[in-house]
Amino acid sequence: YTLASAREELDIARKNRGAGIGVFVFSKRMA
């Protein structure tokens, strides 16, 4: 995952859950 792909997946997650704000949590070792 990159920052760009994380934002893309977070955009889908916000639409899928009807949320206005999204938080993407990376594992420290995989960030």
Full PDB file with SEQRES, HELIX, SHEET, SSBOND, CRYST1, ORIGX, SCALE, CONECT and MASTER records, all heavy atoms in Angstrom:
SEQRES   1 A   31  TYR THR LEU ALA SER ALA ARG GLU GLU LEU ASP ILE ALA          
SEQRES   2 A   31  ARG LYS ASN ARG GLY ALA GLY ILE GLY VAL PHE VAL PHE          
SEQRES   3 A   31  SER LYS ARG MET ALA                                          
HELIX    1 AA1 LEU A    3  ARG A   17  1                                  15    
CRYST1    1.000    1.000    1.000  90.00  90.00  90.00 P 1           1          
ORIGX1      1.000000  0.000000  0.000000        0.00000                         
ORIGX2      0.000000  1.000000  0.000000        0.00000                         
ORIGX3      0.000000  0.000000  1.000000        0.00000                         
SCALE1      1.000000  0.000000  0.000000        0.00000                         
SCALE2      0.000000  1.000000  0.000000        0.00000                         
SCALE3      0.000000  0.000000  1.000000        0.00000                         
ATOM      1  N   TYR A   1       0.840  -1.199   0.000  1.00  0.00           N  
ATOM      2  CA  TYR A   1       0.000   0.000   0.000  1.00  0.00           C  
ATOM      3  C   TYR A   1       0.873   1.247   0.000  1.00  0.00           C  
ATOM      4  O   TYR A   1       1.876   1.312   0.712  1.00  0.00           O  
ATOM      5  CB  TYR A   1      -0.920   0.020   1.219  1.00  0.00           C  
ATOM      6  CG  TYR A   1      -2.173  -0.802   1.054  1.00  0.00           C  
ATOM      7  CD1 TYR A   1      -2.188  -2.145   1.414  1.00  0.00           C  
ATOM      8  CD2 TYR A   1      -3.340  -0.236   0.538  1.00  0.00           C  
ATOM      9  CE1 TYR A   1      -3.338  -2.908   1.256  1.00  0.00           C  
ATOM     10  CE2 TYR A   1      -4.497  -0.981   0.384  1.00  0.00           C  
ATOM     11  CZ  TYR A   1      -4.495  -2.324   0.738  1.00  0.00           C  
ATOM     12  OH  TYR A   1      -5.624  -3.068   0.597  1.00  0.00           O  
ATOM     13  N   THR A   2       0.457   2.233  -0.792  1.00  0.00           N  
ATOM     14  CA  THR A   2       1.084   3.553  -0.776  1.00  0.00           C  
ATOM     15  C   THR A   2       0.075   4.544  -0.224  1.00  0.00           C  
ATOM     16  O   THR A   2      -1.094   4.204   0.033  1.00  0.00           O  
ATOM     17  CB  THR A   2       1.518   3.969  -2.184  1.00  0.00           C  
ATOM     18  OG1 THR A   2       0.363   4.057  -3.023  1.00  0.00           O  
ATOM     19  CG2 THR A   2       2.493   2.947  -2.781  1.00  0.00           C  
ATOM     20  N   LEU A   3       0.523   5.791  -0.037  1.00  0.00           N  
ATOM     21  CA  LEU A   3      -0.396   6.815   0.444  1.00  0.00           C  
ATOM     22  C   LEU A   3      -1.527   7.043  -0.545  1.00  0.00           C  
ATOM     23  O   LEU A   3      -2.693   7.238  -0.156  1.00  0.00           O  
ATOM     24  CB  LEU A   3       0.365   8.119   0.715  1.00  0.00           C  
ATOM     25  CG  LEU A   3       1.376   8.083   1.866  1.00  0.00           C  
ATOM     26  CD1 LEU A   3       2.108   9.416   1.955  1.00  0.00           C  
ATOM     27  CD2 LEU A   3       0.671   7.784   3.174  1.00  0.00           C  
ATOM     28  N   ALA A   4      -1.202   6.993  -1.845  1.00  0.00           N  
ATOM     29  CA  ALA A   4      -2.232   7.214  -2.862  1.00  0.00           C  
ATOM     30  C   ALA A   4      -3.248   6.075  -2.861  1.00  0.00           C  
ATOM     31  O   ALA A   4      -4.459   6.301  -2.875  1.00  0.00           O  
ATOM     32  CB  ALA A   4      -1.581   7.353  -4.239  1.00  0.00           C  
ATOM     33  N   SER A   5      -2.762   4.812  -2.836  1.00  0.00           N  
ATOM     34  CA  SER A   5      -3.698   3.680  -2.839  1.00  0.00           C  
ATOM     35  C   SER A   5      -4.501   3.636  -1.542  1.00  0.00           C  
ATOM     36  O   SER A   5      -5.675   3.240  -1.545  1.00  0.00           O  
ATOM     37  CB  SER A   5      -2.931   2.377  -3.030  1.00  0.00           C  
ATOM     38  OG  SER A   5      -1.988   2.200  -1.970  1.00  0.00           O  
ATOM     39  N   ALA A   6      -3.893   4.055  -0.436  1.00  0.00           N  
ATOM     40  CA  ALA A   6      -4.623   4.115   0.826  1.00  0.00           C  
ATOM     41  C   ALA A   6      -5.756   5.135   0.747  1.00  0.00           C  
ATOM     42  O   ALA A   6      -6.876   4.887   1.220  1.00  0.00           O  
ATOM     43  CB  ALA A   6      -3.682   4.449   1.971  1.00  0.00           C  
ATOM     44  N   ARG A   7      -5.510   6.284   0.135  1.00  0.00           N  
ATOM     45  CA  ARG A   7      -6.557   7.303  -0.001  1.00  0.00           C  
ATOM     46  C   ARG A   7      -7.667   6.820  -0.921  1.00  0.00           C  
ATOM     47  O   ARG A   7      -8.848   7.084  -0.672  1.00  0.00           O  
ATOM     48  CB  ARG A   7      -5.959   8.600  -0.526  1.00  0.00           C  
ATOM     49  CG  ARG A   7      -5.016   9.307   0.438  1.00  0.00           C  
ATOM     50  CD  ARG A   7      -4.749  10.735  -0.016  1.00  0.00           C  
ATOM     51  NE  ARG A   7      -5.979  11.516  -0.047  1.00  0.00           N  
ATOM     52  CZ  ARG A   7      -6.088  12.713  -0.629  1.00  0.00           C  
ATOM     53  NH1 ARG A   7      -5.042  13.253  -1.230  1.00  0.00           N  
ATOM     54  NH2 ARG A   7      -7.246  13.358  -0.613  1.00  0.00           N  
ATOM     55  N   GLU A   8      -7.283   6.088  -1.989  1.00  0.00           N  
ATOM     56  CA  GLU A   8      -8.313   5.556  -2.886  1.00  0.00           C  
ATOM     57  C   GLU A   8      -9.216   4.563  -2.150  1.00  0.00           C  
ATOM     58  O   GLU A   8     -10.448   4.606  -2.265  1.00  0.00           O  
ATOM     59  CB  GLU A   8      -7.649   4.881  -4.090  1.00  0.00           C  
ATOM     60  CG  GLU A   8      -6.931   5.855  -5.019  1.00  0.00           C  
ATOM     61  CD  GLU A   8      -6.200   5.130  -6.140  1.00  0.00           C  
ATOM     62  OE1 GLU A   8      -6.278   3.878  -6.177  1.00  0.00           O  
ATOM     63  OE2 GLU A   8      -5.580   5.801  -6.984  1.00  0.00           O  
ATOM     64  N   GLU A   9      -8.612   3.661  -1.376  1.00  0.00           N  
ATOM     65  CA  GLU A   9      -9.410   2.691  -0.642  1.00  0.00           C  
ATOM     66  C   GLU A   9     -10.235   3.375   0.449  1.00  0.00           C  
ATOM     67  O   GLU A   9     -11.371   2.972   0.723  1.00  0.00           O  
ATOM     68  CB  GLU A   9      -8.497   1.627  -0.027  1.00  0.00           C  
ATOM     69  CG  GLU A   9      -9.261   0.525   0.677  1.00  0.00           C  
ATOM     70  CD  GLU A   9      -8.427  -0.721   0.854  1.00  0.00           C  
ATOM     71  OE1 GLU A   9      -7.383  -0.845   0.186  1.00  0.00           O  
ATOM     72  OE2 GLU A   9      -8.827  -1.572   1.666  1.00  0.00           O  
ATOM     73  N   LEU A  10      -9.682   4.422   1.048  1.00  0.00           N  
ATOM     74  CA  LEU A  10     -10.421   5.142   2.076  1.00  0.00           C  
ATOM     75  C   LEU A  10     -11.614   5.890   1.474  1.00  0.00           C  
ATOM     76  O   LEU A  10     -12.674   6.007   2.104  1.00  0.00           O  
ATOM     77  CB  LEU A  10      -9.481   6.108   2.796  1.00  0.00           C  
ATOM     78  CG  LEU A  10      -9.947   6.647   4.149  1.00  0.00           C  
ATOM     79  CD1 LEU A  10     -10.229   5.500   5.106  1.00  0.00           C  
ATOM     80  CD2 LEU A  10      -8.882   7.556   4.746  1.00  0.00           C  
ATOM     81  N   ASP A  11     -11.474   6.372   0.234  1.00  0.00           N  
ATOM     82  CA  ASP A  11     -12.582   7.054  -0.439  1.00  0.00           C  
ATOM     83  C   ASP A  11     -13.736   6.062  -0.686  1.00  0.00           C  
ATOM     84  O   ASP A  11     -14.907   6.386  -0.464  1.00  0.00           O  
ATOM     85  CB  ASP A  11     -12.095   7.661  -1.760  1.00  0.00           C  
ATOM     86  CG  ASP A  11     -13.192   8.425  -2.473  1.00  0.00           C  
ATOM     87  OD1 ASP A  11     -13.735   9.385  -1.887  1.00  0.00           O  
ATOM     88  OD2 ASP A  11     -13.529   8.039  -3.612  1.00  0.00           O  
ATOM     89  N   ILE A  12     -13.366   4.832  -1.101  1.00  0.00           N  
ATOM     90  CA  ILE A  12     -14.405   3.802  -1.308  1.00  0.00           C  
ATOM     91  C   ILE A  12     -15.050   3.448   0.027  1.00  0.00           C  
ATOM     92  O   ILE A  12     -16.276   3.258   0.115  1.00  0.00           O  
ATOM     93  CB  ILE A  12     -13.779   2.551  -1.964  1.00  0.00           C  
ATOM     94  CG1 ILE A  12     -13.216   2.911  -3.345  1.00  0.00           C  
ATOM     95  CG2 ILE A  12     -14.806   1.442  -2.085  1.00  0.00           C  
ATOM     96  CD1 ILE A  12     -12.462   1.777  -4.008  1.00  0.00           C  
ATOM     97  N   ALA A  13     -14.245   3.339   1.101  1.00  0.00           N  
ATOM     98  CA  ALA A  13     -14.780   2.986   2.414  1.00  0.00           C  
ATOM     99  C   ALA A  13     -15.741   4.055   2.912  1.00  0.00           C  
ATOM    100  O   ALA A  13     -16.787   3.741   3.511  1.00  0.00           O  
ATOM    101  CB  ALA A  13     -13.635   2.797   3.405  1.00  0.00           C  
ATOM    102  N   ARG A  14     -15.436   5.343   2.683  1.00  0.00           N  
ATOM    103  CA  ARG A  14     -16.341   6.412   3.115  1.00  0.00           C  
ATOM    104  C   ARG A  14     -17.676   6.337   2.380  1.00  0.00           C  
ATOM    105  O   ARG A  14     -18.742   6.484   2.985  1.00  0.00           O  
ATOM    106  CB  ARG A  14     -15.688   7.775   2.899  1.00  0.00           C  
ATOM    107  CG  ARG A  14     -14.642   8.122   3.958  1.00  0.00           C  
ATOM    108  CD  ARG A  14     -14.201   9.568   3.906  1.00  0.00           C  
ATOM    109  NE  ARG A  14     -13.296   9.840   2.795  1.00  0.00           N  
ATOM    110  CZ  ARG A  14     -13.623  10.462   1.673  1.00  0.00           C  
ATOM    111  NH1 ARG A  14     -14.856  10.882   1.495  1.00  0.00           N  
ATOM    112  NH2 ARG A  14     -12.737  10.657   0.707  1.00  0.00           N  
ATOM    113  N   LYS A  15     -17.613   6.076   1.075  1.00  0.00           N  
ATOM    114  CA  LYS A  15     -18.858   5.959   0.313  1.00  0.00           C  
ATOM    115  C   LYS A  15     -19.627   4.707   0.724  1.00  0.00           C  
ATOM    116  O   LYS A  15     -20.858   4.737   0.809  1.00  0.00           O  
ATOM    117  CB  LYS A  15     -18.537   5.912  -1.174  1.00  0.00           C  
ATOM    118  CG  LYS A  15     -17.942   7.215  -1.708  1.00  0.00           C  
ATOM    119  CD  LYS A  15     -17.568   7.076  -3.174  1.00  0.00           C  
ATOM    120  CE  LYS A  15     -16.948   8.376  -3.709  1.00  0.00           C  
ATOM    121  NZ  LYS A  15     -16.551   8.238  -5.138  1.00  0.00           N  
ATOM    122  N   ASN A  16     -18.912   3.619   0.967  1.00  0.00           N  
ATOM    123  CA  ASN A  16     -19.583   2.366   1.300  1.00  0.00           C  
ATOM    124  C   ASN A  16     -20.273   2.431   2.656  1.00  0.00           C  
ATOM    125  O   ASN A  16     -21.318   1.790   2.868  1.00  0.00           O  
ATOM    126  CB  ASN A  16     -18.551   1.225   1.305  1.00  0.00           C  
ATOM    127  CG  ASN A  16     -19.200  -0.141   1.435  1.00  0.00           C  
ATOM    128  OD1 ASN A  16     -20.273  -0.380   0.881  1.00  0.00           O  
ATOM    129  ND2 ASN A  16     -18.561  -1.029   2.168  1.00  0.00           N  
ATOM    130  N   ARG A  17     -19.689   3.185   3.605  1.00  0.00           N  
ATOM    131  CA  ARG A  17     -20.266   3.251   4.944  1.00  0.00           C  
ATOM    132  C   ARG A  17     -21.037   4.548   5.201  1.00  0.00           C  
ATOM    133  O   ARG A  17     -21.538   4.759   6.314  1.00  0.00           O  
ATOM    134  CB  ARG A  17     -19.149   3.123   5.990  1.00  0.00           C  
ATOM    135  CG  ARG A  17     -18.340   1.834   5.870  1.00  0.00           C  
ATOM    136  CD  ARG A  17     -19.218   0.610   6.045  1.00  0.00           C  
ATOM    137  NE  ARG A  17     -18.439  -0.621   5.840  1.00  0.00           N  
ATOM    138  CZ  ARG A  17     -18.965  -1.836   5.872  1.00  0.00           C  
ATOM    139  NH1 ARG A  17     -20.262  -1.979   6.086  1.00  0.00           N  
ATOM    140  NH2 ARG A  17     -18.219  -2.906   5.664  1.00  0.00           N  
ATOM    141  N   GLY A  18     -21.124   5.428   4.179  1.00  0.00           N  
ATOM    142  CA  GLY A  18     -21.870   6.669   4.362  1.00  0.00           C  
ATOM    143  C   GLY A  18     -21.235   7.587   5.380  1.00  0.00           C  
ATOM    144  O   GLY A  18     -21.939   8.269   6.132  1.00  0.00           O  
ATOM    145  N   ALA A  19     -19.898   7.623   5.419  1.00  0.00           N  
ATOM    146  CA  ALA A  19     -19.171   8.434   6.397  1.00  0.00           C  
ATOM    147  C   ALA A  19     -18.608   9.669   5.725  1.00  0.00           C  
ATOM    148  O   ALA A  19     -18.242   9.656   4.542  1.00  0.00           O  
ATOM    149  CB  ALA A  19     -18.049   7.626   7.028  1.00  0.00           C  
ATOM    150  N   GLY A  20     -18.511  10.737   6.498  1.00  0.00           N  
ATOM    151  CA  GLY A  20     -17.952  11.967   5.967  1.00  0.00           C  
ATOM    152  C   GLY A  20     -16.446  12.044   6.123  1.00  0.00           C  
ATOM    153  O   GLY A  20     -15.764  12.690   5.342  1.00  0.00           O  
ATOM    154  N   ILE A  21     -15.886  11.393   7.133  1.00  0.00           N  
ATOM    155  CA  ILE A  21     -14.448  11.430   7.420  1.00  0.00           C  
ATOM    156  C   ILE A  21     -13.946   9.990   7.474  1.00  0.00           C  
ATOM    157  O   ILE A  21     -14.624   9.078   7.980  1.00  0.00           O  
ATOM    158  CB  ILE A  21     -14.155  12.135   8.761  1.00  0.00           C  
ATOM    159  CG1 ILE A  21     -14.754  13.543   8.759  1.00  0.00           C  
ATOM    160  CG2 ILE A  21     -12.651  12.199   9.022  1.00  0.00           C  
ATOM    161  CD1 ILE A  21     -14.166  14.465   7.705  1.00  0.00           C  
ATOM    162  N   GLY A  22     -12.736   9.782   6.954  1.00  0.00           N  
ATOM    163  CA  GLY A  22     -12.136   8.450   6.968  1.00  0.00           C  
ATOM    164  C   GLY A  22     -10.769   8.461   7.620  1.00  0.00           C  
ATOM    165  O   GLY A  22      -9.997   9.417   7.452  1.00  0.00           O  
ATOM    166  N   VAL A  23     -10.472   7.383   8.364  1.00  0.00           N  
ATOM    167  CA  VAL A  23      -9.165   7.219   9.018  1.00  0.00           C  
ATOM    168  C   VAL A  23      -8.574   5.897   8.541  1.00  0.00           C  
ATOM    169  O   VAL A  23      -9.202   4.835   8.709  1.00  0.00           O  
ATOM    170  CB  VAL A  23      -9.300   7.216  10.552  1.00  0.00           C  
ATOM    171  CG1 VAL A  23      -7.922   6.988  11.190  1.00  0.00           C  
ATOM    172  CG2 VAL A  23      -9.901   8.515  11.047  1.00  0.00           C  
ATOM    173  N   PHE A  24      -7.381   5.971   7.945  1.00  0.00           N  
ATOM    174  CA  PHE A  24      -6.676   4.774   7.464  1.00  0.00           C  
ATOM    175  C   PHE A  24      -5.506   4.494   8.420  1.00  0.00           C  
ATOM    176  O   PHE A  24      -4.628   5.343   8.584  1.00  0.00           O  
ATOM    177  CB  PHE A  24      -6.152   4.992   6.045  1.00  0.00           C  
ATOM    178  CG  PHE A  24      -5.763   3.722   5.330  1.00  0.00           C  
ATOM    179  CD1 PHE A  24      -6.630   3.112   4.446  1.00  0.00           C  
ATOM    180  CD2 PHE A  24      -4.531   3.127   5.569  1.00  0.00           C  
ATOM    181  CE1 PHE A  24      -6.283   1.947   3.786  1.00  0.00           C  
ATOM    182  CE2 PHE A  24      -4.177   1.963   4.929  1.00  0.00           C  
ATOM    183  CZ  PHE A  24      -5.052   1.364   4.030  1.00  0.00           C  
ATOM    184  N   VAL A  25      -5.514   3.316   9.036  1.00  0.00           N  
ATOM    185  CA  VAL A  25      -4.503   2.960  10.037  1.00  0.00           C  
ATOM    186  C   VAL A  25      -3.570   1.919   9.430  1.00  0.00           C  
ATOM    187  O   VAL A  25      -3.980   0.789   9.140  1.00  0.00           O  
ATOM    188  CB  VAL A  25      -5.154   2.413  11.325  1.00  0.00           C  
ATOM    189  CG1 VAL A  25      -4.074   2.133  12.364  1.00  0.00           C  
ATOM    190  CG2 VAL A  25      -6.178   3.400  11.866  1.00  0.00           C  
ATOM    191  N   PHE A  26      -2.298   2.306   9.232  1.00  0.00           N  
ATOM    192  CA  PHE A  26      -1.264   1.386   8.777  1.00  0.00           C  
ATOM    193  C   PHE A  26      -0.616   0.685   9.960  1.00  0.00           C  
ATOM    194  O   PHE A  26      -0.462   1.283  11.034  1.00  0.00           O  
ATOM    195  CB  PHE A  26      -0.173   2.153   8.020  1.00  0.00           C  
ATOM    196  CG  PHE A  26      -0.441   2.317   6.552  1.00  0.00           C  
ATOM    197  CD1 PHE A  26      -0.771   3.571   6.044  1.00  0.00           C  
ATOM    198  CD2 PHE A  26      -0.386   1.245   5.692  1.00  0.00           C  
ATOM    199  CE1 PHE A  26      -1.014   3.734   4.698  1.00  0.00           C  
ATOM    200  CE2 PHE A  26      -0.632   1.405   4.340  1.00  0.00           C  
ATOM    201  CZ  PHE A  26      -0.953   2.645   3.834  1.00  0.00           C  
ATOM    202  N   SER A  27      -0.240  -0.563   9.781  1.00  0.00           N  
ATOM    203  CA  SER A  27       0.664  -1.189  10.745  1.00  0.00           C  
ATOM    204  C   SER A  27       2.024  -0.512  10.663  1.00  0.00           C  
ATOM    205  O   SER A  27       2.489  -0.194   9.562  1.00  0.00           O  
ATOM    206  CB  SER A  27       0.805  -2.690  10.460  1.00  0.00           C  
ATOM    207  OG  SER A  27       1.810  -3.251  11.274  1.00  0.00           O  
ATOM    208  N   LYS A  28       2.647  -0.268  11.798  1.00  0.00           N  
ATOM    209  CA  LYS A  28       3.923   0.452  11.822  1.00  0.00           C  
ATOM    210  C   LYS A  28       4.974  -0.244  10.971  1.00  0.00           C  
ATOM    211  O   LYS A  28       5.773   0.397  10.307  1.00  0.00           O  
ATOM    212  CB  LYS A  28       4.394   0.565  13.287  1.00  0.00           C  
ATOM    213  CG  LYS A  28       5.690   1.355  13.464  1.00  0.00           C  
ATOM    214  CD  LYS A  28       5.499   2.811  13.173  1.00  0.00           C  
ATOM    215  CE  LYS A  28       6.765   3.614  13.491  1.00  0.00           C  
ATOM    216  NZ  LYS A  28       6.616   5.026  13.162  1.00  0.00           N  
ATOM    217  N   ARG A  29       4.926  -1.584  10.976  1.00  0.00           N  
ATOM    218  CA  ARG A  29       5.943  -2.330  10.215  1.00  0.00           C  
ATOM    219  C   ARG A  29       5.664  -2.323   8.723  1.00  0.00           C  
ATOM    220  O   ARG A  29       6.576  -2.543   7.930  1.00  0.00           O  
ATOM    221  CB  ARG A  29       6.004  -3.765  10.731  1.00  0.00           C  
ATOM    222  CG  ARG A  29       6.626  -3.889  12.117  1.00  0.00           C  
ATOM    223  CD  ARG A  29       6.501  -5.288  12.659  1.00  0.00           C  
ATOM    224  NE  ARG A  29       5.120  -5.580  13.030  1.00  0.00           N  
ATOM    225  CZ  ARG A  29       4.709  -6.724  13.520  1.00  0.00           C  
ATOM    226  NH1 ARG A  29       5.568  -7.703  13.678  1.00  0.00           N  
ATOM    227  NH2 ARG A  29       3.436  -6.912  13.838  1.00  0.00           N  
ATOM    228  N   MET A  30       4.409  -2.127   8.325  1.00  0.00           N  
ATOM    229  CA  MET A  30       4.055  -2.175   6.915  1.00  0.00           C  
ATOM    230  C   MET A  30       3.759  -0.793   6.337  1.00  0.00           C  
ATOM    231  O   MET A  30       3.320  -0.691   5.189  1.00  0.00           O  
ATOM    232  CB  MET A  30       2.816  -3.069   6.734  1.00  0.00           C  
ATOM    233  CG  MET A  30       3.023  -4.504   7.187  1.00  0.00           C  
ATOM    234  SD  MET A  30       4.293  -5.321   6.198  1.00  0.00           S  
ATOM    235  CE  MET A  30       4.274  -6.960   6.959  1.00  0.00           C  
ATOM    236  N   ALA A  31       3.960   0.264   7.109  1.00  0.00           N  
ATOM    237  CA  ALA A  31       3.639   1.609   6.641  1.00  0.00           C  
ATOM    238  C   ALA A  31       4.589   2.027   5.523  1.00  0.00           C  
ATOM    239  O   ALA A  31       5.771   1.666   5.529  1.00  0.00           O  
ATOM    240  CB  ALA A  31       3.721   2.595   7.802  1.00  0.00           C  
TER     241      ALA A  31                                                      
MASTER        0    0    0    1    0    0    0    6  240    1    0    3          
END                                                                             
